[in-house]
Protein backbone atom coordinates (compact mmCIF):
# COMPACT_ATOMS: atom_id res chain seq x y z
CA MET A 1 116.30 75.64 85.76
CA ALA A 2 115.34 73.71 88.87
CA ASP A 3 111.80 73.25 90.12
CA SER A 4 110.38 75.55 92.79
CA SER A 5 110.16 73.84 96.14
CA ILE A 6 109.16 74.08 99.79
CA THR A 7 111.13 72.44 102.58
CA TYR A 8 109.67 71.99 106.07
CA PHE A 9 112.42 71.32 108.61
CA PRO A 10 112.24 69.03 111.65
CA VAL A 11 112.77 71.52 114.49
CA GLY A 12 110.61 70.06 117.25
CA ASN A 13 107.84 72.37 118.43
CA GLY A 14 108.98 75.24 116.28
CA ASP A 15 108.84 76.43 112.69
CA THR A 16 111.43 76.70 109.94
CA SER A 17 110.48 76.49 106.28
CA LEU A 18 112.27 77.33 103.05
CA ILE A 19 110.53 78.45 99.88
CA LYS A 20 112.90 78.21 96.92
CA LEU A 21 111.83 79.37 93.48
CA ALA A 22 112.91 77.96 90.15
CA ASP A 23 115.15 81.01 89.57
CA GLY A 24 117.00 80.38 92.86
CA THR A 25 115.14 82.97 94.94
CA THR A 26 115.03 81.93 98.61
CA MET A 27 112.58 82.87 101.35
CA VAL A 28 113.09 81.47 104.83
CA VAL A 29 109.91 81.51 106.91
CA ASP A 30 110.71 81.59 110.65
CA ILE A 31 113.78 80.01 112.23
CA ASP A 32 114.29 77.64 115.14
CA VAL A 33 117.60 75.84 115.46
CA CYS A 34 117.52 75.12 119.16
CA ALA A 35 114.55 72.90 119.92
CA ASP A 36 115.11 70.46 122.79
CA ASP A 37 114.73 67.45 120.53
CA MET A 38 116.46 68.82 117.45
CA LYS A 39 118.49 66.28 115.49
CA TYR A 40 118.98 67.95 112.12
CA ASP A 41 121.51 70.58 111.04
CA VAL A 42 119.22 73.27 109.64
CA GLN A 43 121.89 75.96 109.41
CA ASN A 44 124.18 74.05 107.05
CA HIS A 45 121.18 73.05 104.96
CA LEU A 46 120.14 76.69 104.56
CA VAL A 47 123.70 77.77 103.80
CA ARG A 48 123.81 75.19 101.03
CA GLU A 49 120.51 76.36 99.54
CA CYS A 50 121.10 80.11 99.70
CA ARG A 51 122.86 82.18 97.05
CA ALA A 52 126.61 82.56 97.59
CA GLU A 53 128.49 85.76 96.74
CA GLY A 54 132.17 85.96 97.57
CA GLY A 55 131.84 83.04 99.93
CA ILE A 56 128.97 84.72 101.81
CA SER A 57 125.49 83.19 101.81
CA HIS A 58 122.49 85.39 101.05
CA ALA A 59 118.82 84.63 101.65
CA ASP A 60 116.67 86.79 99.42
CA SER A 61 114.24 87.19 102.31
CA PHE A 62 113.43 86.07 105.82
CA LEU A 63 109.80 86.29 106.91
CA LEU A 64 109.10 86.30 110.65
CA THR A 65 105.47 85.30 111.17
CA HIS A 66 105.48 86.53 114.79
CA PRO A 67 108.04 87.10 117.58
CA ASP A 68 107.72 83.94 119.68
CA GLN A 69 111.00 82.24 120.52
CA ASP A 70 110.08 78.96 118.80
CA HIS A 71 109.98 80.95 115.56
CA LEU A 72 113.24 82.80 116.28
CA ARG A 73 115.62 80.60 118.29
CA GLY A 74 119.08 80.85 116.84
CA PHE A 75 118.28 83.90 114.69
CA ASP A 76 121.68 85.45 115.42
CA THR A 77 123.43 82.11 114.90
CA VAL A 78 122.00 81.44 111.45
CA PHE A 79 121.68 85.04 110.24
CA TYR A 80 123.86 88.12 110.27
CA ALA A 81 122.35 91.17 111.98
CA GLY A 82 123.82 94.60 111.33
CA ASP A 83 125.26 96.79 108.58
CA PRO A 84 126.13 94.42 105.71
CA ALA A 85 129.24 96.49 105.04
CA LYS A 86 130.55 95.36 108.44
CA TYR A 87 130.16 91.63 107.79
CA SER A 88 133.39 90.19 109.21
CA ASP A 89 135.68 87.23 108.66
CA SER A 90 134.31 85.88 111.94
CA ASP A 91 130.75 86.07 110.57
CA LYS A 92 131.93 84.28 107.42
CA LYS A 93 133.63 81.57 109.45
CA LYS A 94 130.42 81.06 111.40
CA LYS A 95 128.50 80.80 108.09
CA ARG A 96 126.07 83.55 109.00
CA ILE A 97 123.58 84.24 106.23
CA ILE A 98 122.87 87.81 105.16
CA ILE A 99 119.13 88.49 104.89
CA ASP A 100 118.78 90.66 101.80
CA GLU A 101 115.19 91.63 102.68
CA LEU A 102 113.63 91.30 106.14
CA TRP A 103 109.84 90.76 106.31
CA PHE A 104 108.05 91.38 109.58
CA SER A 105 104.86 92.64 111.19
CA PRO A 106 104.92 95.99 113.02
CA ARG A 107 103.32 94.26 116.00
CA ILE A 108 106.76 93.54 117.47
CA PHE A 109 106.94 97.31 118.04
CA CYS A 110 103.66 97.53 119.99
CA PRO A 111 103.90 99.32 123.34
CA HIS A 112 102.59 96.31 125.27
CA GLU A 113 105.30 94.00 123.89
CA LYS A 114 107.57 94.31 126.91
CA ASP A 115 108.31 90.60 127.30
CA LEU A 116 109.97 89.85 123.99
CA CYS A 117 112.34 86.89 124.11
CA ASP A 118 116.04 87.56 123.57
CA MET A 119 115.99 86.62 119.90
CA ALA A 120 112.91 88.76 119.27
CA LYS A 121 114.84 91.70 120.72
CA VAL A 122 117.68 90.96 118.29
CA ALA A 123 115.24 90.79 115.37
CA LYS A 124 113.55 94.01 116.52
CA LYS A 125 116.92 95.76 116.74
CA GLU A 126 117.72 94.68 113.18
CA ALA A 127 114.31 95.80 111.95
CA ASP A 128 114.84 99.15 113.71
CA ARG A 129 118.24 99.52 112.03
CA ARG A 130 116.81 98.88 108.59
CA MET A 131 113.90 101.26 109.15
CA ASP A 132 116.33 103.98 110.21
CA VAL A 133 118.38 103.41 107.06
CA TYR A 134 115.23 103.69 104.94
CA LYS A 135 114.22 106.96 106.58
CA LYS A 136 117.66 108.47 106.07
CA ASP A 137 118.89 107.17 102.72
CA LYS A 138 116.62 105.37 100.22
CA THR A 139 119.60 104.44 98.04
CA GLU A 140 121.40 102.74 100.93
CA ALA A 141 118.12 101.15 102.04
CA ASN A 142 117.77 99.44 98.67
CA LYS A 143 121.01 97.50 99.04
CA PRO A 144 120.91 93.77 99.91
CA GLY A 145 121.12 93.41 103.66
CA ASN A 146 119.22 96.64 104.30
CA ARG A 147 115.89 96.02 102.58
CA ILE A 148 112.64 95.67 104.54
CA ARG A 149 109.05 94.65 103.89
CA ILE A 150 106.42 95.37 106.55
CA ILE A 151 103.23 93.29 106.64
CA GLY A 152 100.09 94.63 108.30
CA TYR A 153 98.77 97.81 109.88
CA THR A 154 99.89 100.12 112.64
CA ASP A 155 98.92 103.44 114.18
CA ASN A 156 102.49 104.00 115.35
CA PRO A 157 103.62 107.40 113.98
CA ASP A 158 107.19 106.09 113.66
CA PHE A 159 106.04 104.12 110.60
CA VAL A 160 104.62 107.06 108.61
CA LYS A 161 107.77 107.47 106.51
CA LEU A 162 107.79 103.74 105.76
CA LYS A 163 104.41 103.50 104.02
CA ASP A 164 106.08 102.53 100.73
CA ARG A 165 107.39 99.37 102.35
CA PHE A 166 104.02 98.20 103.74
CA VAL A 167 101.91 95.38 102.33
CA ILE A 168 98.33 95.54 103.60
CA PRO A 169 96.54 92.21 104.16
CA GLY A 170 94.02 91.50 101.44
CA ASN A 171 96.60 92.08 98.72
CA ARG A 172 98.82 89.86 96.61
CA ILE A 173 102.54 90.50 96.22
CA SER A 174 105.09 88.98 93.86
CA GLU A 175 108.05 91.27 94.58
CA ILE A 176 110.83 89.72 96.66
CA ASN A 177 114.16 91.38 97.33
CA GLY A 178 113.56 94.19 94.86
CA ALA A 179 112.47 92.07 91.90
CA ILE A 180 109.12 90.85 90.56
CA ARG A 181 108.99 87.04 90.54
CA GLN A 182 107.12 85.92 87.43
CA ASN A 183 106.13 82.46 88.67
CA PHE A 184 105.31 83.16 92.31
CA SER A 185 103.04 85.33 94.43
CA MET A 186 101.80 85.58 97.99
CA PHE A 187 98.32 86.57 99.10
CA ILE A 188 98.57 88.17 102.54
CA HIS A 189 95.65 87.24 104.80
CA ALA A 190 96.77 88.58 108.18
CA PRO A 191 97.42 90.27 110.56
CA THR A 192 94.09 91.96 109.97
CA LYS A 193 93.34 95.50 111.08
CA LYS A 194 92.53 96.59 114.61
CA ASP A 195 91.73 100.16 115.52
CA THR A 196 94.95 100.56 117.49
CA ASP A 197 98.03 98.50 118.24
CA SER A 198 97.01 98.28 121.89
CA LYS A 199 93.99 96.14 120.98
CA TRP A 200 96.33 93.32 120.06
CA SER A 201 96.91 91.34 123.24
CA GLU A 202 98.41 88.06 122.04
CA ARG A 203 101.44 87.64 119.78
CA ASN A 204 99.88 84.58 118.18
CA ASP A 205 97.00 86.80 117.04
CA THR A 206 99.47 88.93 115.09
CA SER A 207 100.87 86.08 113.00
CA ILE A 208 101.45 86.74 109.33
CA VAL A 209 99.17 84.36 107.45
CA PHE A 210 99.65 83.93 103.71
CA GLN A 211 98.95 81.74 100.71
CA ALA A 212 101.96 81.03 98.49
CA ALA A 213 101.04 80.43 94.84
CA PHE A 214 103.37 78.85 92.27
CA ARG A 215 103.03 79.02 88.50
CA VAL A 216 104.65 76.08 86.71
CA GLY A 217 105.03 76.42 82.95
CA ASP A 218 101.71 77.55 81.54
CA VAL A 219 99.72 76.45 84.60
CA GLU A 220 98.69 79.29 86.90
CA ARG A 221 98.24 78.32 90.55
CA ALA A 222 99.80 74.95 89.85
CA ALA A 223 100.64 74.60 93.54
CA LEU A 224 99.30 76.45 96.57
CA ALA A 225 100.65 76.44 100.13
CA MET A 226 99.13 78.00 103.26
CA PHE A 227 101.28 79.32 106.12
CA GLY A 228 99.59 80.39 109.34
CA GLY A 229 102.25 80.92 111.99
CA ASP A 230 100.55 80.39 115.34
CA ALA A 231 97.24 82.01 114.40
CA GLY A 232 94.31 80.54 116.32
CA CYS A 233 90.73 79.66 115.54
CA ALA A 234 89.25 83.17 115.83
CA ILE A 235 91.89 84.66 113.54
CA PHE A 236 91.27 82.04 110.88
CA GLU A 237 87.51 82.45 111.20
CA ASP A 238 88.00 86.16 110.55
CA ILE A 239 90.22 85.42 107.55
CA ILE A 240 87.71 82.93 106.14
CA GLY A 241 84.91 85.47 106.47
CA LYS A 242 86.84 88.17 104.62
CA SER A 243 88.60 86.23 101.87
CA LYS A 244 87.59 85.02 98.45
CA GLY A 245 87.52 81.28 97.87
CA PRO A 246 90.54 80.99 95.54
CA ASP A 247 92.75 82.83 98.04
CA LEU A 248 91.92 80.20 100.67
CA GLU A 249 92.69 77.13 98.58
CA PHE A 250 95.74 75.00 99.26
CA ASP A 251 97.63 71.85 98.35
CA LEU A 252 99.91 72.13 101.39
CA PHE A 253 98.67 73.30 104.77
CA LEU A 254 101.13 74.00 107.58
CA GLY A 255 99.07 73.37 110.72
CA PRO A 256 99.17 76.45 112.97
CA HIS A 257 100.94 76.37 116.32
CA HIS A 258 102.56 72.97 115.94
CA CYS A 259 99.40 70.89 115.53
CA SER A 260 97.61 72.73 118.31
CA TRP A 261 93.91 72.36 119.10
CA THR A 262 93.75 76.17 119.27
CA PHE A 263 93.40 76.22 115.48
CA PHE A 264 90.27 74.09 115.59
CA SER A 265 88.53 75.74 118.53
CA GLU A 266 88.80 78.32 121.29
CA ARG A 267 87.19 75.80 123.61
CA PRO A 268 89.28 73.24 125.55
CA SER A 269 90.32 70.16 123.63
CA GLU A 270 88.59 67.98 126.23
CA GLU A 271 85.26 69.22 124.89
CA ASN A 272 86.13 68.07 121.35
CA ASP A 273 83.99 70.87 119.91
CA PRO A 274 85.76 72.09 116.75
CA SER A 275 84.58 75.17 114.88
CA ASN A 276 82.34 74.29 111.95
CA THR A 277 83.82 77.24 110.09
CA ILE A 278 87.30 75.75 110.42
CA LEU A 279 86.17 72.25 109.47
CA ASP A 280 84.28 73.56 106.44
CA PHE A 281 87.32 75.60 105.41
CA LEU A 282 89.66 72.61 105.49
CA LYS A 283 87.20 70.33 103.71
CA SER A 284 86.11 72.77 101.01
CA ARG A 285 89.37 74.60 100.28
CA LYS A 286 91.82 71.70 100.21
CA ARG A 287 92.56 70.63 96.68
CA LYS A 288 92.79 67.04 95.49
CA GLY A 289 95.60 65.20 97.27
CA ALA A 290 96.19 68.04 99.73
CA ILE A 291 98.65 67.39 102.55
CA ALA A 292 98.69 68.76 106.10
CA ILE A 293 102.07 69.26 107.78
CA ALA A 294 102.58 69.50 111.53
CA SER A 295 105.83 71.23 112.43
CA SER A 296 106.15 69.61 115.83
CA LYS A 297 107.81 66.96 117.92
CA PRO A 298 106.39 63.44 117.58
CA ILE A 299 102.69 63.42 118.39
CA LYS A 300 101.70 61.27 121.36
CA ASP A 301 98.35 60.55 123.00
CA ASP A 302 99.25 62.36 126.21
CA ASP A 303 98.83 65.70 128.00
CA ASP A 304 102.08 67.25 126.75
CA ASN A 305 100.57 69.80 124.37
CA PRO A 306 101.14 71.05 121.74
CA PRO A 307 101.08 68.97 119.64
CA HIS A 308 97.54 67.88 120.48
CA TYR A 309 96.73 64.29 119.60
CA ILE A 310 93.09 65.25 119.06
CA ALA A 311 94.18 67.86 116.48
CA LYS A 312 96.16 65.18 114.65
CA GLN A 313 93.02 63.05 114.59
CA LYS A 314 91.02 65.88 113.04
CA TYR A 315 93.63 66.46 110.37
CA GLU A 316 93.69 62.75 109.56
CA GLU A 317 89.90 62.62 109.38
CA ILE A 318 89.92 65.43 106.81
CA PHE A 319 93.11 64.76 104.83
CA GLY A 320 93.54 61.02 105.37
CA ALA A 321 96.27 59.46 107.49
CA LYS A 322 98.65 59.15 104.52
CA ASN A 323 98.31 62.87 103.82
CA PHE A 324 99.23 64.03 107.31
CA ILE A 325 102.95 64.46 108.01
CA CYS A 326 104.60 65.35 111.32
CA THR A 327 108.10 66.75 110.79
CA GLY A 328 109.30 65.15 114.03
CA GLU A 329 108.35 61.71 112.75
CA HIS A 330 109.56 61.98 109.13
CA PRO A 331 110.82 59.51 108.13
CA SER A 332 111.45 58.39 111.72
CA GLU A 333 111.55 59.86 115.21
CA THR A 334 115.19 58.91 115.69
CA GLU A 335 116.48 60.41 112.42
CA PRO A 336 114.05 63.07 111.18
CA GLU A 337 114.71 64.60 107.76
CA PRO A 338 113.22 67.67 106.08
CA VAL A 339 109.89 67.24 104.33
CA TYR A 340 110.59 68.36 100.78
CA PHE A 341 108.11 69.14 98.00
CA THR A 342 108.79 70.16 94.41
CA MET A 343 106.17 72.16 92.55
CA THR A 344 104.88 70.61 89.33
CA LYS A 345 102.08 71.35 86.90
CA ASN A 346 100.03 68.80 88.80
CA GLY A 347 100.72 70.27 92.23
CA PRO A 348 103.35 69.58 94.90
CA VAL A 349 105.20 66.28 94.75
CA LYS A 350 106.89 64.94 97.85
CA ASP A 351 110.50 63.94 97.26
CA ASP A 352 113.29 62.51 99.37
CA TYR A 353 115.93 65.19 99.64
CA ALA A 354 118.90 64.25 97.46
CA SER A 355 121.79 65.52 99.58
CA LYS A 356 120.94 65.72 103.24
CA SER A 357 122.84 67.95 105.63
CA GLN A 358 125.08 66.49 108.29
CA VAL A 359 123.01 65.53 111.32
CA VAL A 360 124.30 66.96 114.57
CA SER A 361 123.20 66.36 118.11
CA SER A 362 120.88 68.72 119.95
CA ALA A 363 123.64 69.18 122.53
CA ALA A 364 126.01 70.50 119.87
CA ILE A 365 123.40 72.91 118.58
CA ALA A 366 122.47 74.07 122.08
CA ALA A 367 126.09 75.00 122.69
CA THR A 368 125.84 77.76 120.09
CA VAL A 369 122.52 79.34 120.97
CA SER A 370 120.55 80.32 124.03
CA SER A 371 118.53 77.66 125.79
CA PRO A 372 114.79 77.46 125.10
CA LYS A 373 112.28 78.53 127.71
CA THR A 374 108.68 77.79 126.82
CA TYR A 375 106.96 77.17 123.53
CA GLY A 376 104.87 79.89 121.90
């Protein structure tokens, strides 16, 4: 049995991560295969890592932290959307991956979300389809390609019949794709509750934030990883105030919003006035040897933000320069490779990936998906 692992992909100012468990279970967290400066073939890498059945690739789950385009670009290129029974030879030729279980926040269905990007509309349509299946036929809804998991709260009456598929923040879950995973769990931190959906005004504020915990052998919580989407300072301050210490600990910390200053403070970066709550959280909850990862383009000391150079400096002050990794610079800016960690009894261990995917140009990738607009 292989080791559990996490792979952070070099996708420019975007997010794509793969959690793979020792039993082969796969969870893709966000997808972006069309960043301007993309130089790595993420799709073929995911196809290689996912379970194959009859020549068709299956991801046990896909978790969308929030519906910004830099977390969704190329969704319909990498994944199949629609009734799994209608998966075609054309889909197979294009190597589209079937998502056995789709994880999302109900916030993409909020009334004020009228400006969803094209890929968010595709993801919403697929979520709608799966919810309709669940309401009509629980047996059909439990088949791979139709399953759903909804993270968060909503006052939308359309979700009443789906309460069995909700996970409320503040709880831990170990079920993925219809099965309990013995050596893995996720503590869901956010999105936290508001009185009504309309009180959510920013998509970044609705990001799914979670701690992934890996058991290795007889060691509980052998490795811990924190995922925060694009959640900003105020959201994390709220999480910190509500959560117990162990649920906030981490060995790997994926810096929110592509190494943005918005995680450290709601005040402009020029003021260099980070939140003490955030600083204390990073310093007190990181475990020995903890590593911060910035899923971003190369970080420069300029005004093209994110990534913010001042945020990089803060991470390096807290974690140490050797324990801060930018995906766009790993191992080099010209030929970035995924950042790959295996989970051991002594925590995550960074490895060079054994069989890298074929590198393709950003122009070739752009030819298959819609062009990017602005970052989230």
